[in-house]
Amino acid sequence: MKRRTVPTVAALAATTALLLTGCSSGSDSSDKIEGAGGDAASGSQSPKASPTTSAKVADFGLPADIKVKVSPDTTGDKAKDAILTAQANVLMARQRLFVDLDTHSKYLNVYFSGEAQAFYTQQIKAAKKRGKTISGTYRYYDRKVTQHTSDMAFVSYCEDQTKAVPKDVKTKKVQPANPTPEDYTYYETVLQKSPGGIWQLQKLSGHSNATECK
């Protein structure tokens, strides 16, 4: 499924101001769910990952016909690498949303909040109405933490859907891939820790046919 309808990239000035205040979520508790909680292990600085290398993420129970490749993009900075690990889990959770097609999904409630949760709620409803789910390969790379505090972070990244295809829920028929420049999307996102200490996607914006992702 090609999911290109996203808010356009714009300056998130108000969010930037909030980020720089260093607001705290005020809780150290942790929910029990795939990929939630814990810091990524830090190490020496690594080179940019190749397209065939994937970050280690939790098992989100995706069907065998869905492949998600998330480049590690590690920096050697413990805080940034922990955020990138959490962001990889958000990407996995996003795919699970379009498998379940359930607006009450635990993945939607745990990994998404605010504008992002509202956006994906509408996307789920639209996909369910069309009777379409997802199949194929989704690749995420060039992930960067551009700003962060202890409980809020800006993360930009690229998405490649050249091998991603829609699948009919009833017939299970998969539409053949038809790669175009529109399959490359650049995203800017805001993540914030929930009261339970889990990084959630709060805001996102992006544009397809992204030259910076090719």
Protein backbone atom coordinates (compact mmCIF):
# COMPACT_ATOMS: atom_id res chain seq x y z
CA MET A 1 0.00 0.00 0.00
CA LYS A 2 1.38 3.36 -0.98
CA ARG A 3 0.78 5.74 1.91
CA ARG A 4 1.93 9.10 0.58
CA THR A 5 -0.76 11.40 1.97
CA VAL A 6 1.13 13.06 4.82
CA PRO A 7 1.30 16.60 6.17
CA THR A 8 3.79 18.62 4.15
CA VAL A 9 7.17 19.46 5.62
CA ALA A 10 7.08 22.79 7.42
CA ALA A 11 8.98 24.58 10.18
CA LEU A 12 7.72 23.21 13.51
CA ALA A 13 8.60 26.37 15.40
CA ALA A 14 6.23 25.87 18.32
CA THR A 15 7.43 22.32 18.83
CA THR A 16 11.05 23.42 18.63
CA ALA A 17 10.42 25.95 21.39
CA LEU A 18 8.84 23.25 23.53
CA LEU A 19 11.73 20.91 22.83
CA LEU A 20 14.33 23.42 23.95
CA THR A 21 12.56 23.99 27.28
CA GLY A 22 13.49 20.45 28.29
CA CYS A 23 10.02 19.47 29.51
CA SER A 24 9.84 16.24 31.52
CA SER A 25 7.25 13.50 31.27
CA GLY A 26 7.52 13.00 35.02
CA SER A 27 7.32 9.20 35.09
CA ASP A 28 9.71 6.26 35.04
CA SER A 29 7.11 3.50 34.66
CA SER A 30 7.16 1.14 31.68
CA ASP A 31 4.39 -0.54 29.68
CA LYS A 32 4.76 -4.19 28.66
CA ILE A 33 4.58 -4.34 24.88
CA GLU A 34 6.84 -5.14 21.95
CA GLY A 35 9.82 -2.81 21.74
CA ALA A 36 8.82 -0.71 24.72
CA GLY A 37 11.31 0.52 27.29
CA GLY A 38 15.06 0.07 27.61
CA ASP A 39 18.03 1.89 26.14
CA ALA A 40 19.99 0.89 23.09
CA ALA A 41 23.48 -0.36 23.73
CA SER A 42 26.09 2.22 22.86
CA GLY A 43 29.36 1.53 21.08
CA SER A 44 31.97 3.04 18.85
CA GLN A 45 30.80 5.21 16.00
CA SER A 46 29.64 3.16 13.02
CA PRO A 47 29.63 4.04 9.34
CA LYS A 48 26.34 4.64 7.55
CA ALA A 49 24.55 1.33 7.11
CA SER A 50 24.14 -0.23 3.70
CA PRO A 51 20.59 -0.69 2.35
CA THR A 52 20.78 -4.43 3.16
CA THR A 53 21.61 -3.91 6.84
CA SER A 54 18.74 -3.65 9.31
CA ALA A 55 18.52 -2.36 12.85
CA LYS A 56 17.58 -4.80 15.59
CA VAL A 57 13.93 -4.24 16.43
CA ALA A 58 11.29 -6.04 18.47
CA ASP A 59 9.07 -8.70 16.91
CA PHE A 60 5.81 -7.05 15.95
CA GLY A 61 4.29 -10.20 14.48
CA LEU A 62 4.18 -8.97 10.89
CA PRO A 63 3.06 -11.44 8.20
CA ALA A 64 5.80 -13.17 6.22
CA ASP A 65 5.00 -11.20 3.07
CA ILE A 66 5.89 -7.88 4.76
CA LYS A 67 9.57 -7.02 5.10
CA VAL A 68 10.76 -3.95 7.00
CA LYS A 69 14.39 -2.90 6.64
CA VAL A 70 15.51 -0.21 9.07
CA SER A 71 19.10 0.97 8.72
CA PRO A 72 20.81 1.16 12.13
CA ASP A 73 22.26 4.65 11.48
CA THR A 74 24.06 4.44 14.83
CA THR A 75 26.04 7.46 15.98
CA GLY A 76 28.00 6.27 19.02
CA ASP A 77 26.01 8.72 21.15
CA LYS A 78 24.09 6.68 23.73
CA ALA A 79 21.11 9.04 23.96
CA LYS A 80 20.72 9.43 20.20
CA ASP A 81 21.12 5.71 19.55
CA ALA A 82 18.45 4.94 22.17
CA ILE A 83 16.09 7.33 20.39
CA LEU A 84 16.85 5.73 17.02
CA THR A 85 16.12 2.29 18.48
CA ALA A 86 12.79 3.55 19.81
CA GLN A 87 12.02 5.24 16.48
CA ALA A 88 12.67 1.94 14.67
CA ASN A 89 10.01 0.33 16.85
CA VAL A 90 7.60 3.12 15.91
CA LEU A 91 8.23 2.31 12.24
CA MET A 92 7.50 -1.36 12.89
CA ALA A 93 4.35 -0.46 14.80
CA ARG A 94 3.21 1.68 11.86
CA GLN A 95 3.30 -1.34 9.55
CA ARG A 96 1.33 -3.37 12.09
CA LEU A 97 -1.40 -0.70 12.03
CA PHE A 98 -2.06 -1.45 8.36
CA VAL A 99 -2.10 -5.18 9.01
CA ASP A 100 -4.65 -4.98 11.82
CA LEU A 101 -6.72 -2.11 10.36
CA ASP A 102 -8.01 -1.52 13.87
CA THR A 103 -8.42 2.02 15.25
CA HIS A 104 -8.38 0.53 18.76
CA SER A 105 -5.07 -1.24 18.18
CA LYS A 106 -2.72 -1.33 21.15
CA TYR A 107 0.05 -0.31 18.76
CA LEU A 108 -1.77 2.89 17.85
CA ASN A 109 -2.32 3.77 21.50
CA VAL A 110 1.19 2.90 22.71
CA TYR A 111 3.41 4.21 19.92
CA PHE A 112 1.44 7.22 18.66
CA SER A 113 -0.03 10.33 20.26
CA GLY A 114 -1.43 13.74 19.39
CA GLU A 115 -1.49 14.72 15.71
CA ALA A 116 0.25 11.52 14.59
CA GLN A 117 -2.30 9.31 16.31
CA ALA A 118 -5.15 11.28 14.74
CA PHE A 119 -3.49 11.07 11.32
CA TYR A 120 -3.01 7.31 11.43
CA THR A 121 -6.50 6.76 12.79
CA GLN A 122 -7.84 8.38 9.61
CA GLN A 123 -5.39 6.41 7.44
CA ILE A 124 -6.54 3.14 9.01
CA LYS A 125 -10.19 4.01 8.43
CA ALA A 126 -9.48 4.89 4.79
CA ALA A 127 -7.54 1.67 4.17
CA LYS A 128 -10.25 -0.44 5.82
CA LYS A 129 -12.92 1.24 3.70
CA ARG A 130 -10.94 0.42 0.54
CA GLY A 131 -10.37 -3.13 1.76
CA LYS A 132 -6.62 -2.81 1.34
CA THR A 133 -3.74 -3.91 3.53
CA ILE A 134 0.03 -3.92 2.85
CA SER A 135 2.60 -6.27 1.39
CA GLY A 136 6.16 -6.10 0.08
CA THR A 137 9.24 -4.35 1.40
CA TYR A 138 9.49 -1.04 3.27
CA ARG A 139 12.97 0.42 3.67
CA TYR A 140 13.92 3.17 6.13
CA TYR A 141 17.33 4.83 6.12
CA ASP A 142 19.33 8.01 6.69
CA ARG A 143 17.70 8.38 10.12
CA LYS A 144 19.00 11.35 12.08
CA VAL A 145 18.27 12.76 15.54
CA THR A 146 18.59 16.48 14.85
CA GLN A 147 17.60 17.75 18.33
CA HIS A 148 16.62 16.09 21.57
CA THR A 149 16.07 16.44 25.30
CA SER A 150 15.44 13.67 27.82
CA ASP A 151 11.83 13.27 26.68
CA MET A 152 11.43 14.89 23.26
CA ALA A 153 13.29 14.47 19.98
CA PHE A 154 13.31 15.50 16.33
CA VAL A 155 14.04 12.62 13.97
CA SER A 156 14.28 12.84 10.17
CA TYR A 157 14.46 9.84 7.86
CA CYS A 158 13.85 8.48 4.36
CA GLU A 159 11.35 5.85 3.25
CA ASP A 160 11.62 3.69 0.12
CA GLN A 161 8.39 2.03 -1.04
CA THR A 162 9.59 0.92 -4.49
CA LYS A 163 8.97 -2.69 -3.48
CA ALA A 164 5.86 -2.06 -1.38
CA VAL A 165 2.48 -3.06 -2.79
CA PRO A 166 -1.18 -3.04 -1.72
CA LYS A 167 -2.99 -6.30 -1.02
CA ASP A 168 -6.72 -6.95 -1.12
CA VAL A 169 -7.97 -7.98 2.32
CA LYS A 170 -10.61 -10.40 1.01
CA THR A 171 -8.95 -11.97 -2.04
CA LYS A 172 -5.35 -11.68 -0.76
CA LYS A 173 -4.43 -10.61 -4.28
CA VAL A 174 -1.29 -8.47 -4.42
CA GLN A 175 -0.97 -5.64 -6.89
CA PRO A 176 2.28 -5.78 -8.93
CA ALA A 177 4.94 -3.26 -7.97
CA ASN A 178 5.24 -0.22 -10.20
CA PRO A 179 8.15 1.84 -8.83
CA THR A 180 8.10 5.59 -9.40
CA PRO A 181 10.02 8.58 -7.96
CA GLU A 182 6.98 9.18 -5.73
CA ASP A 183 7.94 6.08 -3.76
CA TYR A 184 10.77 7.96 -2.04
CA THR A 185 9.54 10.06 0.89
CA TYR A 186 11.44 12.31 3.27
CA TYR A 187 9.99 12.70 6.77
CA GLU A 188 10.51 15.05 9.68
CA THR A 189 9.02 13.82 12.94
CA VAL A 190 8.68 14.68 16.61
CA LEU A 191 8.85 11.95 19.23
CA GLN A 192 7.93 12.41 22.87
CA LYS A 193 8.04 10.07 25.83
CA SER A 194 4.71 8.96 27.19
CA PRO A 195 3.92 9.05 30.93
CA GLY A 196 4.93 5.38 30.86
CA GLY A 197 8.37 6.22 29.47
CA ILE A 198 7.77 4.98 25.91
CA TRP A 199 8.84 7.08 22.93
CA GLN A 200 5.76 7.95 20.85
CA LEU A 201 5.40 9.58 17.45
CA GLN A 202 3.64 12.86 18.13
CA LYS A 203 3.97 14.82 14.88
CA LEU A 204 5.09 14.04 11.35
CA SER A 205 5.43 15.80 8.03
CA GLY A 206 6.90 14.73 4.73
CA HIS A 207 7.12 14.99 0.97
CA SER A 208 7.33 12.33 -1.72
CA ASN A 209 9.57 12.36 -4.81
CA ALA A 210 12.27 13.31 -2.32
CA THR A 211 15.58 13.95 -4.07
CA GLU A 212 17.41 13.76 -0.71
CA CYS A 213 16.32 10.10 -0.39
CA LYS A 214 17.47 8.82 -3.80
